[in-house]
Structures are given as C-alpha cells and as structure tokens.
Amino acid sequence: MINKYGFPIVAAGGMGYFIYYVWTWVTTEIKPVIGQANGTLIALIDRIRMLDNDLIRLNQKVETVMELRGKTIEYERIKAEHEINKVSEENPTPIGPKRRATKEEIKDASGD
C-alpha cells in the first residue's frame, strides 16, 4: 500500500482512522460519564450552599443567645452586687472589709 500511494497518504489515512476511533470512543463512553458527574457536582454544590446557609443561621442564633445570656448574667451580677452592698437600717456600713456579715444576713442571702 505504501508503494502504491506513498507514505504520507497512508499515514494520513491511519491518522484519520485514529481520530475517528477516538472521537467515537469519547462520544459513546466518556460523554455520558461526564454528564453524570456534572449532575452529581451540581447536587453537591447545592448541598454545600444549603449547609453554608444553615451555618450562617446557626451562627446568628448563637450570637443572639450569647448576647442575651450576657445581658442576663450582667443583670444577675448587678442584682447580687446590690444585695451584697445593701445598706440596712441596723447596719449603715455595707458588708466588706470594714464590716462582717451577721448570721442573719448570711441566712437571708442564702435563701434558707
């Protein structure tokens, strides 16, 4: 065949067949797999977006709870401080380094 047509013509025919074979293999074997992988990729991206939105909402809820809990803790601290430093009519000096609490004041503070 090479003697009749020459090497360049035979090589071009072989390359043409090789290109045809690769093209049919890609379109029959690879293209459906790529389409399926593309669908899976889109589904995964949607799930990631949903998880991201869930994380954003959860983070906002945690920040709100922490803010409200911080206000509650601050309120309880101020209330306890007022209770500790409450000036009674019998003892005008607040409880601290200059005056010790009496047994009745300790009992009242413990709630018993």
PDB file of N, CA and C in Angstrom:
ATOM      1  N   MET A   1       0.814  -1.177   0.000  1.00  0.00           N
ATOM      2  CA  MET A   1       0.000   0.000   0.000  1.00  0.00           C
ATOM      3  C   MET A   1       0.877   1.268   0.000  1.00  0.00           C
ATOM      4  N   ILE A   2       1.963   1.222   0.763  1.00  0.00           N
ATOM      5  CA  ILE A   2       2.869   2.362   0.787  1.00  0.00           C
ATOM      6  C   ILE A   2       3.512   2.549  -0.589  1.00  0.00           C
ATOM      7  N   ASN A   3       3.835   1.413  -1.294  1.00  0.00           N
ATOM      8  CA  ASN A   3       4.446   1.517  -2.627  1.00  0.00           C
ATOM      9  C   ASN A   3       3.473   2.118  -3.622  1.00  0.00           C
ATOM     10  N   LYS A   4       2.175   1.824  -3.452  1.00  0.00           N
ATOM     11  CA  LYS A   4       1.192   2.303  -4.433  1.00  0.00           C
ATOM     12  C   LYS A   4       0.836   3.773  -4.184  1.00  0.00           C
ATOM     13  N   TYR A   5       0.565   4.168  -2.887  1.00  0.00           N
ATOM     14  CA  TYR A   5       0.076   5.527  -2.601  1.00  0.00           C
ATOM     15  C   TYR A   5       1.128   6.435  -1.978  1.00  0.00           C
ATOM     16  N   GLY A   6       2.136   5.880  -1.352  1.00  0.00           N
ATOM     17  CA  GLY A   6       3.165   6.676  -0.695  1.00  0.00           C
ATOM     18  C   GLY A   6       2.891   6.784   0.813  1.00  0.00           C
ATOM     19  N   PHE A   7       3.957   7.015   1.530  1.00  0.00           N
ATOM     20  CA  PHE A   7       3.854   7.043   2.998  1.00  0.00           C
ATOM     21  C   PHE A   7       2.964   8.168   3.519  1.00  0.00           C
ATOM     22  N   PRO A   8       3.060   9.388   3.006  1.00  0.00           N
ATOM     23  CA  PRO A   8       2.222  10.462   3.562  1.00  0.00           C
ATOM     24  C   PRO A   8       0.734  10.187   3.427  1.00  0.00           C
ATOM     25  N   ILE A   9       0.308   9.614   2.316  1.00  0.00           N
ATOM     26  CA  ILE A   9      -1.114   9.329   2.108  1.00  0.00           C
ATOM     27  C   ILE A   9      -1.566   8.225   3.056  1.00  0.00           C
ATOM     28  N   VAL A  10      -0.793   7.172   3.210  1.00  0.00           N
ATOM     29  CA  VAL A  10      -1.148   6.069   4.108  1.00  0.00           C
ATOM     30  C   VAL A  10      -1.148   6.564   5.565  1.00  0.00           C
ATOM     31  N   ALA A  11      -0.159   7.396   5.931  1.00  0.00           N
ATOM     32  CA  ALA A  11      -0.110   7.939   7.285  1.00  0.00           C
ATOM     33  C   ALA A  11      -1.322   8.832   7.549  1.00  0.00           C
ATOM     34  N   ALA A  12      -1.731   9.633   6.572  1.00  0.00           N
ATOM     35  CA  ALA A  12      -2.909  10.484   6.735  1.00  0.00           C
ATOM     36  C   ALA A  12      -4.164   9.640   6.909  1.00  0.00           C
ATOM     37  N   GLY A  13      -4.285   8.566   6.147  1.00  0.00           N
ATOM     38  CA  GLY A  13      -5.430   7.662   6.303  1.00  0.00           C
ATOM     39  C   GLY A  13      -5.437   7.006   7.682  1.00  0.00           C
ATOM     40  N   GLY A  14      -4.271   6.568   8.158  1.00  0.00           N
ATOM     41  CA  GLY A  14      -4.176   5.972   9.503  1.00  0.00           C
ATOM     42  C   GLY A  14      -4.528   6.979  10.594  1.00  0.00           C
ATOM     43  N   MET A  15      -4.055   8.203  10.431  1.00  0.00           N
ATOM     44  CA  MET A  15      -4.389   9.238  11.409  1.00  0.00           C
ATOM     45  C   MET A  15      -5.878   9.558  11.387  1.00  0.00           C
ATOM     46  N   GLY A  16      -6.469   9.561  10.195  1.00  0.00           N
ATOM     47  CA  GLY A  16      -7.912   9.799  10.086  1.00  0.00           C
ATOM     48  C   GLY A  16      -8.701   8.716  10.815  1.00  0.00           C
ATOM     49  N   TYR A  17      -8.305   7.444  10.645  1.00  0.00           N
ATOM     50  CA  TYR A  17      -8.989   6.361  11.338  1.00  0.00           C
ATOM     51  C   TYR A  17      -8.795   6.489  12.843  1.00  0.00           C
ATOM     52  N   PHE A  18      -7.570   6.840  13.272  1.00  0.00           N
ATOM     53  CA  PHE A  18      -7.295   7.002  14.701  1.00  0.00           C
ATOM     54  C   PHE A  18      -8.159   8.106  15.299  1.00  0.00           C
ATOM     55  N   ILE A  19      -8.284   9.218  14.594  1.00  0.00           N
ATOM     56  CA  ILE A  19      -9.120  10.330  15.062  1.00  0.00           C
ATOM     57  C   ILE A  19     -10.574   9.894  15.134  1.00  0.00           C
ATOM     58  N   TYR A  20     -11.064   9.159  14.134  1.00  0.00           N
ATOM     59  CA  TYR A  20     -12.439   8.674  14.132  1.00  0.00           C
ATOM     60  C   TYR A  20     -12.669   7.726  15.313  1.00  0.00           C
ATOM     61  N   TYR A  21     -11.714   6.829  15.562  1.00  0.00           N
ATOM     62  CA  TYR A  21     -11.847   5.864  16.658  1.00  0.00           C
ATOM     63  C   TYR A  21     -11.903   6.583  18.004  1.00  0.00           C
ATOM     64  N   VAL A  22     -11.020   7.571  18.219  1.00  0.00           N
ATOM     65  CA  VAL A  22     -11.009   8.315  19.487  1.00  0.00           C
ATOM     66  C   VAL A  22     -12.297   9.112  19.640  1.00  0.00           C
ATOM     67  N   TRP A  23     -12.769   9.729  18.564  1.00  0.00           N
ATOM     68  CA  TRP A  23     -14.000  10.521  18.626  1.00  0.00           C
ATOM     69  C   TRP A  23     -15.192   9.649  18.986  1.00  0.00           C
ATOM     70  N   THR A  24     -15.332   8.482  18.355  1.00  0.00           N
ATOM     71  CA  THR A  24     -16.464   7.600  18.693  1.00  0.00           C
ATOM     72  C   THR A  24     -16.335   7.076  20.124  1.00  0.00           C
ATOM     73  N   TRP A  25     -15.140   6.769  20.589  1.00  0.00           N
ATOM     74  CA  TRP A  25     -14.951   6.299  21.962  1.00  0.00           C
ATOM     75  C   TRP A  25     -15.323   7.381  22.973  1.00  0.00           C
ATOM     76  N   VAL A  26     -14.908   8.619  22.699  1.00  0.00           N
ATOM     77  CA  VAL A  26     -15.227   9.719  23.611  1.00  0.00           C
ATOM     78  C   VAL A  26     -16.730   9.960  23.655  1.00  0.00           C
ATOM     79  N   THR A  27     -17.382   9.962  22.491  1.00  0.00           N
ATOM     80  CA  THR A  27     -18.812  10.265  22.477  1.00  0.00           C
ATOM     81  C   THR A  27     -19.655   9.132  23.046  1.00  0.00           C
ATOM     82  N   THR A  28     -19.212   7.888  22.941  1.00  0.00           N
ATOM     83  CA  THR A  28     -20.020   6.782  23.457  1.00  0.00           C
ATOM     84  C   THR A  28     -19.676   6.417  24.898  1.00  0.00           C
ATOM     85  N   GLU A  29     -18.431   6.561  25.303  1.00  0.00           N
ATOM     86  CA  GLU A  29     -18.015   6.110  26.630  1.00  0.00           C
ATOM     87  C   GLU A  29     -17.839   7.265  27.625  1.00  0.00           C
ATOM     88  N   ILE A  30     -17.184   8.317  27.213  1.00  0.00           N
ATOM     89  CA  ILE A  30     -16.780   9.368  28.143  1.00  0.00           C
ATOM     90  C   ILE A  30     -17.870  10.410  28.344  1.00  0.00           C
ATOM     91  N   LYS A  31     -18.547  10.809  27.278  1.00  0.00           N
ATOM     92  CA  LYS A  31     -19.531  11.884  27.376  1.00  0.00           C
ATOM     93  C   LYS A  31     -20.654  11.570  28.356  1.00  0.00           C
ATOM     94  N   PRO A  32     -21.239  10.363  28.380  1.00  0.00           N
ATOM     95  CA  PRO A  32     -22.275  10.085  29.380  1.00  0.00           C
ATOM     96  C   PRO A  32     -21.756  10.134  30.820  1.00  0.00           C
ATOM     97  N   VAL A  33     -20.532   9.672  31.021  1.00  0.00           N
ATOM     98  CA  VAL A  33     -19.957   9.700  32.368  1.00  0.00           C
ATOM     99  C   VAL A  33     -19.733  11.143  32.818  1.00  0.00           C
ATOM    100  N   ILE A  34     -19.285  12.002  31.910  1.00  0.00           N
ATOM    101  CA  ILE A  34     -19.081  13.408  32.238  1.00  0.00           C
ATOM    102  C   ILE A  34     -20.416  14.074  32.559  1.00  0.00           C
ATOM    103  N   GLY A  35     -21.458  13.749  31.802  1.00  0.00           N
ATOM    104  CA  GLY A  35     -22.784  14.296  32.094  1.00  0.00           C
ATOM    105  C   GLY A  35     -23.279  13.881  33.471  1.00  0.00           C
ATOM    106  N   GLN A  36     -23.081  12.610  33.813  1.00  0.00           N
ATOM    107  CA  GLN A  36     -23.486  12.125  35.131  1.00  0.00           C
ATOM    108  C   GLN A  36     -22.673  12.810  36.234  1.00  0.00           C
ATOM    109  N   ALA A  37     -21.384  12.956  36.029  1.00  0.00           N
ATOM    110  CA  ALA A  37     -20.539  13.628  37.023  1.00  0.00           C
ATOM    111  C   ALA A  37     -20.935  15.092  37.172  1.00  0.00           C
ATOM    112  N   ASN A  38     -21.338  15.727  36.083  1.00  0.00           N
ATOM    113  CA  ASN A  38     -21.779  17.115  36.134  1.00  0.00           C
ATOM    114  C   ASN A  38     -23.038  17.239  36.986  1.00  0.00           C
ATOM    115  N   GLY A  39     -23.983  16.310  36.813  1.00  0.00           N
ATOM    116  CA  GLY A  39     -25.197  16.316  37.640  1.00  0.00           C
ATOM    117  C   GLY A  39     -24.879  16.124  39.111  1.00  0.00           C
ATOM    118  N   THR A  40     -23.963  15.216  39.409  1.00  0.00           N
ATOM    119  CA  THR A  40     -23.554  14.993  40.798  1.00  0.00           C
ATOM    120  C   THR A  40     -22.878  16.229  41.369  1.00  0.00           C
ATOM    121  N   LEU A  41     -22.050  16.879  40.565  1.00  0.00           N
ATOM    122  CA  LEU A  41     -21.364  18.091  41.008  1.00  0.00           C
ATOM    123  C   LEU A  41     -22.363  19.196  41.337  1.00  0.00           C
ATOM    124  N   ILE A  42     -23.363  19.373  40.514  1.00  0.00           N
ATOM    125  CA  ILE A  42     -24.389  20.393  40.765  1.00  0.00           C
ATOM    126  C   ILE A  42     -25.135  20.080  42.062  1.00  0.00           C
ATOM    127  N   ALA A  43     -25.477  18.795  42.284  1.00  0.00           N
ATOM    128  CA  ALA A  43     -26.161  18.408  43.518  1.00  0.00           C
ATOM    129  C   ALA A  43     -25.290  18.689  44.743  1.00  0.00           C
ATOM    130  N   LEU A  44     -23.990  18.411  44.649  1.00  0.00           N
ATOM    131  CA  LEU A  44     -23.085  18.674  45.768  1.00  0.00           C
ATOM    132  C   LEU A  44     -22.940  20.169  46.048  1.00  0.00           C
ATOM    133  N   ILE A  45     -22.877  20.964  44.999  1.00  0.00           N
ATOM    134  CA  ILE A  45     -22.792  22.418  45.179  1.00  0.00           C
ATOM    135  C   ILE A  45     -24.043  22.937  45.873  1.00  0.00           C
ATOM    136  N   ASP A  46     -25.220  22.422  45.491  1.00  0.00           N
ATOM    137  CA  ASP A  46     -26.460  22.829  46.154  1.00  0.00           C
ATOM    138  C   ASP A  46     -26.440  22.453  47.632  1.00  0.00           C
ATOM    139  N   ARG A  47     -25.941  21.269  47.946  1.00  0.00           N
ATOM    140  CA  ARG A  47     -25.867  20.852  49.352  1.00  0.00           C
ATOM    141  C   ARG A  47     -24.905  21.733  50.143  1.00  0.00           C
ATOM    142  N   ILE A  48     -23.789  22.100  49.519  1.00  0.00           N
ATOM    143  CA  ILE A  48     -22.833  22.975  50.196  1.00  0.00           C
ATOM    144  C   ILE A  48     -23.464  24.334  50.467  1.00  0.00           C
ATOM    145  N   ARG A  49     -24.221  24.853  49.518  1.00  0.00           N
ATOM    146  CA  ARG A  49     -24.892  26.136  49.730  1.00  0.00           C
ATOM    147  C   ARG A  49     -25.902  26.038  50.861  1.00  0.00           C
ATOM    148  N   MET A  50     -26.654  24.940  50.907  1.00  0.00           N
ATOM    149  CA  MET A  50     -27.618  24.753  51.998  1.00  0.00           C
ATOM    150  C   MET A  50     -26.903  24.691  53.342  1.00  0.00           C
ATOM    151  N   LEU A  51     -25.788  23.953  53.413  1.00  0.00           N
ATOM    152  CA  LEU A  51     -25.035  23.864  54.661  1.00  0.00           C
ATOM    153  C   LEU A  51     -24.471  25.221  55.059  1.00  0.00           C
ATOM    154  N   ASP A  52     -24.023  25.992  54.084  1.00  0.00           N
ATOM    155  CA  ASP A  52     -23.496  27.318  54.371  1.00  0.00           C
ATOM    156  C   ASP A  52     -24.587  28.206  54.946  1.00  0.00           C
ATOM    157  N   ASN A  53     -25.775  28.159  54.345  1.00  0.00           N
ATOM    158  CA  ASN A  53     -26.900  28.943  54.866  1.00  0.00           C
ATOM    159  C   ASN A  53     -27.272  28.481  56.269  1.00  0.00           C
ATOM    160  N   ASP A  54     -27.257  27.168  56.507  1.00  0.00           N
ATOM    161  CA  ASP A  54     -27.555  26.652  57.841  1.00  0.00           C
ATOM    162  C   ASP A  54     -26.525  27.133  58.854  1.00  0.00           C
ATOM    163  N   LEU A  55     -25.250  27.133  58.466  1.00  0.00           N
ATOM    164  CA  LEU A  55     -24.207  27.605  59.371  1.00  0.00           C
ATOM    165  C   LEU A  55     -24.366  29.094  59.682  1.00  0.00           C
ATOM    166  N   ILE A  56     -24.747  29.865  58.696  1.00  0.00           N
ATOM    167  CA  ILE A  56     -24.956  31.299  58.908  1.00  0.00           C
ATOM    168  C   ILE A  56     -26.096  31.513  59.891  1.00  0.00           C
ATOM    169  N   ARG A  57     -27.222  30.799  59.682  1.00  0.00           N
ATOM    170  CA  ARG A  57     -28.364  30.930  60.593  1.00  0.00           C
ATOM    171  C   ARG A  57     -28.004  30.478  62.004  1.00  0.00           C
ATOM    172  N   LEU A  58     -27.284  29.369  62.116  1.00  0.00           N
ATOM    173  CA  LEU A  58     -26.893  28.857  63.424  1.00  0.00           C
ATOM    174  C   LEU A  58     -25.953  29.835  64.132  1.00  0.00           C
ATOM    175  N   ASN A  59     -25.039  30.417  63.385  1.00  0.00           N
ATOM    176  CA  ASN A  59     -24.130  31.392  63.960  1.00  0.00           C
ATOM    177  C   ASN A  59     -24.890  32.612  64.475  1.00  0.00           C
ATOM    178  N   GLN A  60     -25.894  33.069  63.730  1.00  0.00           N
ATOM    179  CA  GLN A  60     -26.699  34.201  64.180  1.00  0.00           C
ATOM    180  C   GLN A  60     -27.458  33.849  65.455  1.00  0.00           C
ATOM    181  N   LYS A  61     -27.984  32.635  65.524  1.00  0.00           N
ATOM    182  CA  LYS A  61     -28.709  32.211  66.724  1.00  0.00           C
ATOM    183  C   LYS A  61     -27.772  32.145  67.924  1.00  0.00           C
ATOM    184  N   VAL A  62     -26.581  31.602  67.728  1.00  0.00           N
ATOM    185  CA  VAL A  62     -25.620  31.505  68.826  1.00  0.00           C
ATOM    186  C   VAL A  62     -25.223  32.899  69.304  1.00  0.00           C
ATOM    187  N   GLU A  63     -24.981  33.818  68.378  1.00  0.00           N
ATOM    188  CA  GLU A  63     -24.627  35.185  68.765  1.00  0.00           C
ATOM    189  C   GLU A  63     -25.756  35.839  69.544  1.00  0.00           C
ATOM    190  N   THR A  64     -27.007  35.617  69.120  1.00  0.00           N
ATOM    191  CA  THR A  64     -28.155  36.185  69.830  1.00  0.00           C
ATOM    192  C   THR A  64     -28.254  35.613  71.230  1.00  0.00           C
ATOM    193  N   VAL A  65     -28.109  34.294  71.348  1.00  0.00           N
ATOM    194  CA  VAL A  65     -28.184  33.661  72.666  1.00  0.00           C
ATOM    195  C   VAL A  65     -27.060  34.158  73.564  1.00  0.00           C
ATOM    196  N   MET A  66     -25.852  34.265  73.008  1.00  0.00           N
ATOM    197  CA  MET A  66     -24.730  34.739  73.813  1.00  0.00           C
ATOM    198  C   MET A  66     -24.955  36.186  74.256  1.00  0.00           C
ATOM    199  N   GLU A  67     -25.511  37.006  73.374  1.00  0.00           N
ATOM    200  CA  GLU A  67     -25.783  38.394  73.735  1.00  0.00           C
ATOM    201  C   GLU A  67     -26.839  38.461  74.827  1.00  0.00           C
ATOM    202  N   LEU A  68     -27.932  37.708  74.671  1.00  0.00           N
ATOM    203  CA  LEU A  68     -28.985  37.712  75.683  1.00  0.00           C
ATOM    204  C   LEU A  68     -28.484  37.119  76.993  1.00  0.00           C
ATOM    205  N   ARG A  69     -27.710  36.059  76.911  1.00  0.00           N
ATOM    206  CA  ARG A  69     -27.176  35.438  78.121  1.00  0.00           C
ATOM    207  C   ARG A  69     -26.205  36.394  78.816  1.00  0.00           C
ATOM    208  N   GLY A  70     -25.431  37.131  78.048  1.00  0.00           N
ATOM    209  CA  GLY A  70     -24.528  38.111  78.628  1.00  0.00           C
ATOM    210  C   GLY A  70     -25.289  39.196  79.362  1.00  0.00           C
ATOM    211  N   LYS A  71     -26.421  39.646  78.788  1.00  0.00           N
ATOM    212  CA  LYS A  71     -27.239  40.652  79.458  1.00  0.00           C
ATOM    213  C   LYS A  71     -27.839  40.076  80.734  1.00  0.00           C
ATOM    214  N   THR A  72     -28.265  38.810  80.685  1.00  0.00           N
ATOM    215  CA  THR A  72     -28.829  38.170  81.868  1.00  0.00           C
ATOM    216  C   THR A  72     -27.776  38.038  82.954  1.00  0.00           C
ATOM    217  N   ILE A  73     -26.588  37.618  82.581  1.00  0.00           N
ATOM    218  CA  ILE A  73     -25.507  37.478  83.559  1.00  0.00           C
ATOM    219  C   ILE A  73     -25.172  38.840  84.164  1.00  0.00           C
ATOM    220  N   GLU A  74     -25.112  39.869  83.328  1.00  0.00           N
ATOM    221  CA  GLU A  74     -24.809  41.209  83.825  1.00  0.00           C
ATOM    222  C   GLU A  74     -25.892  41.680  84.784  1.00  0.00           C
ATOM    223  N   TYR A  75     -27.168  41.418  84.444  1.00  0.00           N
ATOM    224  CA  TYR A  75     -28.281  41.796  85.315  1.00  0.00           C
ATOM    225  C   TYR A  75     -28.188  41.059  86.654  1.00  0.00           C
ATOM    226  N   GLU A  76     -27.908  39.749  86.595  1.00  0.00           N
ATOM    227  CA  GLU A  76     -27.777  38.977  87.832  1.00  0.00           C
ATOM    228  C   GLU A  76     -26.594  39.458  88.669  1.00  0.00           C
ATOM    229  N   ARG A  77     -25.498  39.830  88.023  1.00  0.00           N
ATOM    230  CA  ARG A  77     -24.335  40.336  88.750  1.00  0.00           C
ATOM    231  C   ARG A  77     -24.663  41.642  89.450  1.00  0.00           C
ATOM    232  N   ILE A  78     -25.340  42.539  88.746  1.00  0.00           N
ATOM    233  CA  ILE A  78     -25.696  43.834  89.344  1.00  0.00           C
ATOM    234  C   ILE A  78     -26.667  43.627  90.498  1.00  0.00           C
ATOM    235  N   LYS A  79     -27.630  42.743  90.313  1.00  0.00           N
ATOM    236  CA  LYS A  79     -28.606  42.456  91.365  1.00  0.00           C
ATOM    237  C   LYS A  79     -27.906  41.883  92.602  1.00  0.00           C
ATOM    238  N   ALA A  80     -26.995  40.934  92.391  1.00  0.00           N
ATOM    239  CA  ALA A  80     -26.266  40.350  93.519  1.00  0.00           C
ATOM    240  C   ALA A  80     -25.385  41.387  94.191  1.00  0.00           C
ATOM    241  N   GLU A  81     -24.787  42.262  93.403  1.00  0.00           N
ATOM    242  CA  GLU A  81     -23.949  43.310  93.971  1.00  0.00           C
ATOM    243  C   GLU A  81     -24.768  44.251  94.835  1.00  0.00           C
ATOM    244  N   HIS A  82     -25.971  44.595  94.374  1.00  0.00           N
ATOM    245  CA  HIS A  82     -26.848  45.445  95.178  1.00  0.00           C
ATOM    246  C   HIS A  82     -27.272  44.741  96.468  1.00  0.00           C
ATOM    247  N   GLU A  83     -27.527  43.443  96.364  1.00  0.00           N
ATOM    248  CA  GLU A  83     -27.896  42.684  97.550  1.00  0.00           C
ATOM    249  C   GLU A  83     -26.749  42.653  98.554  1.00  0.00           C
ATOM    250  N   ILE A  84     -25.543  42.450  98.049  1.00  0.00           N
ATOM    251  CA  ILE A  84     -24.382  42.383  98.939  1.00  0.00           C
ATOM    252  C   ILE A  84     -24.112  43.736  99.580  1.00  0.00           C
ATOM    253  N   ASN A  85     -24.212  44.769  98.764  1.00  0.00           N
ATOM    254  CA  ASN A  85     -23.884  46.108  99.268  1.00  0.00           C
ATOM    255  C   ASN A  85     -25.082  46.851  99.840  1.00  0.00           C
ATOM    256  N   LYS A  86     -26.173  46.150 100.026  1.00  0.00           N
ATOM    257  CA  LYS A  86     -27.381  46.793 100.541  1.00  0.00           C
ATOM    258  C   LYS A  86     -27.110  47.343 101.942  1.00  0.00           C
ATOM    259  N   VAL A  87     -27.487  48.556 102.103  1.00  0.00           N
ATOM    260  CA  VAL A  87     -27.290  49.199 103.403  1.00  0.00           C
ATOM    261  C   VAL A  87     -28.574  48.997 104.204  1.00  0.00           C
ATOM    262  N   SER A  88     -28.460  48.299 105.295  1.00  0.00           N
ATOM    263  CA  SER A  88     -29.635  48.076 106.126  1.00  0.00           C
ATOM    264  C   SER A  88     -29.767  49.198 107.141  1.00  0.00           C
ATOM    265  N   GLU A  89     -30.930  49.260 107.748  1.00  0.00           N
ATOM    266  CA  GLU A  89     -31.168  50.316 108.713  1.00  0.00           C
ATOM    267  C   GLU A  89     -30.392  50.060 110.003  1.00  0.00           C
ATOM    268  N   GLU A  90     -30.191  48.757 110.337  1.00  0.00           N
ATOM    269  CA  GLU A  90     -29.460  48.460 111.558  1.00  0.00           C
ATOM    270  C   GLU A  90     -27.963  48.691 111.390  1.00  0.00           C
ATOM    271  N   ASN A  91     -27.440  48.357 110.199  1.00  0.00           N
ATOM    272  CA  ASN A  91     -26.009  48.464 109.932  1.00  0.00           C
ATOM    273  C   ASN A  91     -25.798  49.409 108.750  1.00  0.00           C
ATOM    274  N   PRO A  92     -25.501  50.673 108.994  1.00  0.00           N
ATOM    275  CA  PRO A  92     -25.343  51.615 107.895  1.00  0.00           C
ATOM    276  C   PRO A  92     -24.104  51.360 107.042  1.00  0.00           C
ATOM    277  N   THR A  93     -23.144  50.605 107.530  1.00  0.00           N
ATOM    278  CA  THR A  93     -21.939  50.315 106.764  1.00  0.00           C
ATOM    279  C   THR A  93     -22.174  49.065 105.925  1.00  0.00           C
ATOM    280  N   PRO A  94     -21.893  49.107 104.606  1.00  0.00           N
ATOM    281  CA  PRO A  94     -22.094  47.910 103.785  1.00  0.00           C
ATOM    282  C   PRO A  94     -21.110  46.805 104.166  1.00  0.00           C
ATOM    283  N   ILE A  95     -21.491  45.589 103.840  1.00  0.00           N
ATOM    284  CA  ILE A  95     -20.633  44.441 104.122  1.00  0.00           C
ATOM    285  C   ILE A  95     -19.395  44.564 103.254  1.00  0.00           C
ATOM    286  N   GLY A  96     -18.243  44.372 103.830  1.00  0.00           N
ATOM    287  CA  GLY A  96     -16.989  44.489 103.113  1.00  0.00           C
ATOM    288  C   GLY A  96     -15.837  44.378 104.069  1.00  0.00           C
ATOM    289  N   PRO A  97     -14.711  45.018 103.753  1.00  0.00           N
ATOM    290  CA  PRO A  97     -13.544  44.889 104.629  1.00  0.00           C
ATOM    291  C   PRO A  97     -13.740  45.551 105.992  1.00  0.00           C
ATOM    292  N   LYS A  98     -14.626  46.548 106.072  1.00  0.00           N
ATOM    293  CA  LYS A  98     -14.816  47.248 107.346  1.00  0.00           C
ATOM    294  C   LYS A  98     -15.863  46.572 108.235  1.00  0.00           C
ATOM    295  N   ARG A  99     -16.743  45.770 107.660  1.00  0.00           N
ATOM    296  CA  ARG A  99     -17.798  45.150 108.455  1.00  0.00           C
ATOM    297  C   ARG A  99     -18.063  43.747 107.960  1.00  0.00           C
ATOM    298  N   ARG A 100     -18.230  42.807 108.861  1.00  0.00           N
ATOM    299  CA  ARG A 100     -18.558  41.413 108.528  1.00  0.00           C
ATOM    300  C   ARG A 100     -20.067  41.238 108.555  1.00  0.00           C
ATOM    301  N   ALA A 101     -20.532  40.272 107.726  1.00  0.00           N
ATOM    302  CA  ALA A 101     -21.962  39.976 107.700  1.00  0.00           C
ATOM    303  C   ALA A 101     -22.349  39.227 108.961  1.00  0.00           C
ATOM    304  N   THR A 102     -23.571  39.509 109.421  1.00  0.00           N
ATOM    305  CA  THR A 102     -24.089  38.793 110.587  1.00  0.00           C
ATOM    306  C   THR A 102     -24.654  37.459 110.132  1.00  0.00           C
ATOM    307  N   LYS A 103     -24.946  36.589 111.108  1.00  0.00           N
ATOM    308  CA  LYS A 103     -25.512  35.280 110.782  1.00  0.00           C
ATOM    309  C   LYS A 103     -26.864  35.423 110.102  1.00  0.00           C
ATOM    310  N   GLU A 104     -27.658  36.375 110.522  1.00  0.00           N
ATOM    311  CA  GLU A 104     -28.971  36.598 109.921  1.00  0.00           C
ATOM    312  C   GLU A 104     -28.838  37.055 108.459  1.00  0.00           C
ATOM    313  N   GLU A 105     -27.857  37.918 108.190  1.00  0.00           N
ATOM    314  CA  GLU A 105     -27.645  38.391 106.814  1.00  0.00           C
ATOM    315  C   GLU A 105     -27.167  37.252 105.914  1.00  0.00           C
ATOM    316  N   ILE A 106     -26.323  36.389 106.457  1.00  0.00           N
ATOM    317  CA  ILE A 106     -25.853  35.240 105.676  1.00  0.00           C
ATOM    318  C   ILE A 106     -27.008  34.295 105.400  1.00  0.00           C
ATOM    319  N   LYS A 107     -27.859  34.077 106.409  1.00  0.00           N
ATOM    320  CA  LYS A 107     -29.008  33.202 106.236  1.00  0.00           C
ATOM    321  C   LYS A 107     -29.986  33.793 105.216  1.00  0.00           C
ATOM    322  N   ASP A 108     -30.229  35.101 105.277  1.00  0.00           N
ATOM    323  CA  ASP A 108     -31.122  35.749 104.326  1.00  0.00           C
ATOM    324  C   ASP A 108     -30.568  35.688 102.903  1.00  0.00           C
ATOM    325  N   ALA A 109     -29.269  35.860 102.759  1.00  0.00           N
ATOM    326  CA  ALA A 109     -28.638  35.828 101.429  1.00  0.00           C
ATOM    327  C   ALA A 109     -28.667  34.432 100.826  1.00  0.00           C
ATOM    328  N   SER A 110     -28.580  33.386 101.677  1.00  0.00           N
ATOM    329  CA  SER A 110     -28.593  32.020 101.138  1.00  0.00           C
ATOM    330  C   SER A 110     -29.987  31.565 100.761  1.00  0.00           C
ATOM    331  N   GLY A 111     -31.004  32.274 101.247  1.00  0.00           N
ATOM    332  CA  GLY A 111     -32.380  31.925 100.874  1.00  0.00           C
ATOM    333  C   GLY A 111     -32.995  30.843 101.730  1.00  0.00           C
ATOM    334  N   ASP A 112     -32.366  30.457 102.809  1.00  0.00           N
ATOM    335  CA  ASP A 112     -32.921  29.419 103.694  1.00  0.00           C
ATOM    336  C   ASP A 112     -33.883  29.991 104.677  1.00  0.00           C
TER     337      ASP A 112
END
